[in-house]
Amino acid sequence: MESYIKLRICGHGLNLQEITNQLGMTPVNARKKGEIFIDEKYGMRVTVFQEDFWLGGYKPRQNSKLEDEIEYFAMKLKPSATYLKALAEKHDVRFWVSLHLEEIQANVHISPATINALSEMGAKLDCSMMFLKDFYEGNY
């Protein structure tokens, strides 16, 4: 199973540099509304961004429990909770866990500490799971 844990902030009029500075992390991707992106990896698909977004990510270590990694990233963001909560009042702030499954079933456990930290940030929690066989066969 491959997994990703991300913080996604999107909306109109975001100051992407301020977000980077306040969170103390370099985004894995950041775009302004109207920017054009050509995705060569998936068939030259063209995307025009409809809003600003900032995406920070954390790649879990392979041999650790996913719930521990989710909690670790949430705790890493906790010092910025007041700033994130202010952003969440005007913009969409999401803590996103994405699982790419090789098997048909997987369990995701979210600790009370993680839930409390996300609540303090005003962040929504998204979990997405994709069965890799369907992805590679184009059935997604």
Protein backbone atom coordinates (compact mmCIF):
# COMPACT_ATOMS: atom_id res chain seq x y z
CA MET A 1 0.00 0.00 0.00
CA GLU A 2 1.30 3.42 -0.92
CA SER A 3 0.00 6.40 1.04
CA TYR A 4 0.30 10.16 1.10
CA ILE A 5 -0.63 12.67 3.77
CA LYS A 6 -1.20 16.24 2.66
CA LEU A 7 -2.46 19.59 3.82
CA ARG A 8 -4.45 21.30 1.07
CA ILE A 9 -5.48 24.94 1.32
CA CYS A 10 -7.51 26.41 -1.50
CA GLY A 11 -9.65 29.45 -2.17
CA HIS A 12 -9.56 32.85 -3.80
CA GLY A 13 -6.93 35.45 -2.94
CA LEU A 14 -4.55 33.18 -1.03
CA ASN A 15 -1.13 34.58 -0.25
CA LEU A 16 0.90 31.47 -1.09
CA GLN A 17 4.20 32.86 0.18
CA GLU A 18 2.64 33.83 3.50
CA ILE A 19 1.27 30.30 3.93
CA THR A 20 4.72 28.87 3.21
CA ASN A 21 6.32 31.23 5.71
CA GLN A 22 3.71 30.71 8.44
CA LEU A 23 3.80 26.91 8.20
CA GLY A 24 7.57 26.74 7.81
CA MET A 25 7.38 24.18 5.03
CA THR A 26 7.89 24.26 1.30
CA PRO A 27 4.77 23.22 -0.60
CA VAL A 28 4.88 20.24 -2.93
CA ASN A 29 2.69 22.33 -5.23
CA ALA A 30 1.22 25.82 -5.20
CA ARG A 31 -0.78 27.51 -7.95
CA LYS A 32 -2.64 30.75 -8.52
CA LYS A 33 -6.08 30.96 -10.11
CA GLY A 34 -5.81 31.04 -13.90
CA GLU A 35 -2.47 29.22 -14.12
CA ILE A 36 -2.31 26.53 -16.77
CA PHE A 37 -0.75 23.15 -16.09
CA ILE A 38 -0.06 20.49 -18.71
CA ASP A 39 0.19 17.04 -17.16
CA GLU A 40 2.52 15.10 -19.41
CA LYS A 41 2.42 12.07 -17.14
CA TYR A 42 -1.25 11.34 -17.84
CA GLY A 43 -1.69 12.03 -21.55
CA MET A 44 -0.98 15.77 -21.86
CA ARG A 45 -4.10 16.71 -19.89
CA VAL A 46 -4.48 20.50 -19.61
CA THR A 47 -5.72 22.03 -16.36
CA VAL A 48 -6.62 25.67 -15.78
CA PHE A 49 -6.76 26.29 -12.05
CA GLN A 50 -10.07 27.74 -10.91
CA GLU A 51 -8.76 28.89 -7.54
CA ASP A 52 -5.52 29.38 -5.68
CA PHE A 53 -4.14 26.38 -3.85
CA TRP A 54 -1.24 25.43 -1.63
CA LEU A 55 -0.37 21.78 -1.07
CA GLY A 56 2.00 20.62 1.64
CA GLY A 57 2.83 16.98 1.90
CA TYR A 58 4.38 14.32 4.03
CA LYS A 59 5.40 10.94 2.65
CA PRO A 60 4.98 8.31 5.37
CA ARG A 61 7.88 6.04 6.12
CA GLN A 62 7.34 2.59 4.64
CA ASN A 63 7.72 0.42 7.70
CA SER A 64 5.70 2.49 10.14
CA LYS A 65 2.04 2.38 11.05
CA LEU A 66 -0.06 4.75 8.97
CA GLU A 67 -1.96 6.07 12.00
CA ASP A 68 1.36 7.03 13.63
CA GLU A 69 2.42 8.89 10.50
CA ILE A 70 -0.94 10.70 10.25
CA GLU A 71 -0.62 11.79 13.87
CA TYR A 72 3.02 12.85 13.34
CA PHE A 73 2.10 15.18 10.46
CA ALA A 74 -0.89 16.62 12.36
CA MET A 75 1.33 17.34 15.38
CA LYS A 76 3.92 18.95 13.10
CA LEU A 77 1.20 21.40 11.97
CA LYS A 78 -0.19 22.01 15.46
CA PRO A 79 2.03 25.04 16.25
CA SER A 80 0.34 26.77 13.29
CA ALA A 81 -3.19 25.91 14.48
CA THR A 82 -4.25 29.53 15.12
CA TYR A 83 -3.06 30.63 11.68
CA LEU A 84 -4.72 27.65 9.95
CA LYS A 85 -7.97 28.20 11.83
CA ALA A 86 -8.04 31.83 10.64
CA LEU A 87 -7.46 30.61 7.07
CA ALA A 88 -10.21 28.00 7.45
CA GLU A 89 -12.74 30.73 8.24
CA LYS A 90 -12.35 32.10 4.68
CA HIS A 91 -10.82 29.23 2.70
CA ASP A 92 -10.92 25.46 2.42
CA VAL A 93 -8.31 23.82 4.68
CA ARG A 94 -8.15 20.03 4.36
CA PHE A 95 -5.96 17.37 5.89
CA TRP A 96 -5.92 14.71 3.19
CA VAL A 97 -4.93 11.06 3.52
CA SER A 98 -4.69 9.22 0.21
CA LEU A 99 -4.25 5.46 0.06
CA HIS A 100 -3.35 3.52 -3.05
CA LEU A 101 -4.31 -0.05 -2.26
CA GLU A 102 -2.86 -3.24 -3.65
CA GLU A 103 -5.35 -5.34 -1.73
CA ILE A 104 -9.11 -4.93 -1.63
CA GLN A 105 -9.29 -3.88 2.01
CA ALA A 106 -7.38 -1.51 4.24
CA ASN A 107 -8.11 0.09 7.58
CA VAL A 108 -7.31 3.67 8.52
CA HIS A 109 -7.29 4.62 12.18
CA ILE A 110 -7.33 8.27 13.22
CA SER A 111 -6.19 8.86 16.80
CA PRO A 112 -8.02 11.18 19.21
CA ALA A 113 -4.86 13.35 19.31
CA THR A 114 -5.03 13.76 15.52
CA ILE A 115 -8.74 14.59 15.63
CA ASN A 116 -8.15 17.20 18.34
CA ALA A 117 -5.24 18.76 16.43
CA LEU A 118 -7.30 18.99 13.22
CA SER A 119 -10.19 20.50 15.16
CA GLU A 120 -7.88 23.15 16.60
CA MET A 121 -6.79 23.97 13.03
CA GLY A 122 -10.33 24.13 11.70
CA ALA A 123 -9.27 21.57 9.10
CA LYS A 124 -11.56 19.12 7.36
CA LEU A 125 -10.38 15.52 7.03
CA ASP A 126 -10.50 13.73 3.67
CA CYS A 127 -9.54 10.12 3.13
CA SER A 128 -9.39 8.72 -0.38
CA MET A 129 -8.69 5.13 -1.30
CA MET A 130 -7.97 3.83 -4.77
CA PHE A 131 -7.50 0.23 -5.74
CA LEU A 132 -4.32 0.35 -7.86
CA LYS A 133 -5.51 -2.35 -10.25
CA ASP A 134 -8.44 -0.12 -11.28
CA PHE A 135 -6.16 2.90 -11.62
CA TYR A 136 -3.67 1.14 -13.87
CA GLU A 137 -6.46 -0.31 -15.99
CA GLY A 138 -8.06 3.12 -16.41
CA ASN A 139 -11.20 2.26 -14.40
CA TYR A 140 -11.20 5.25 -12.07
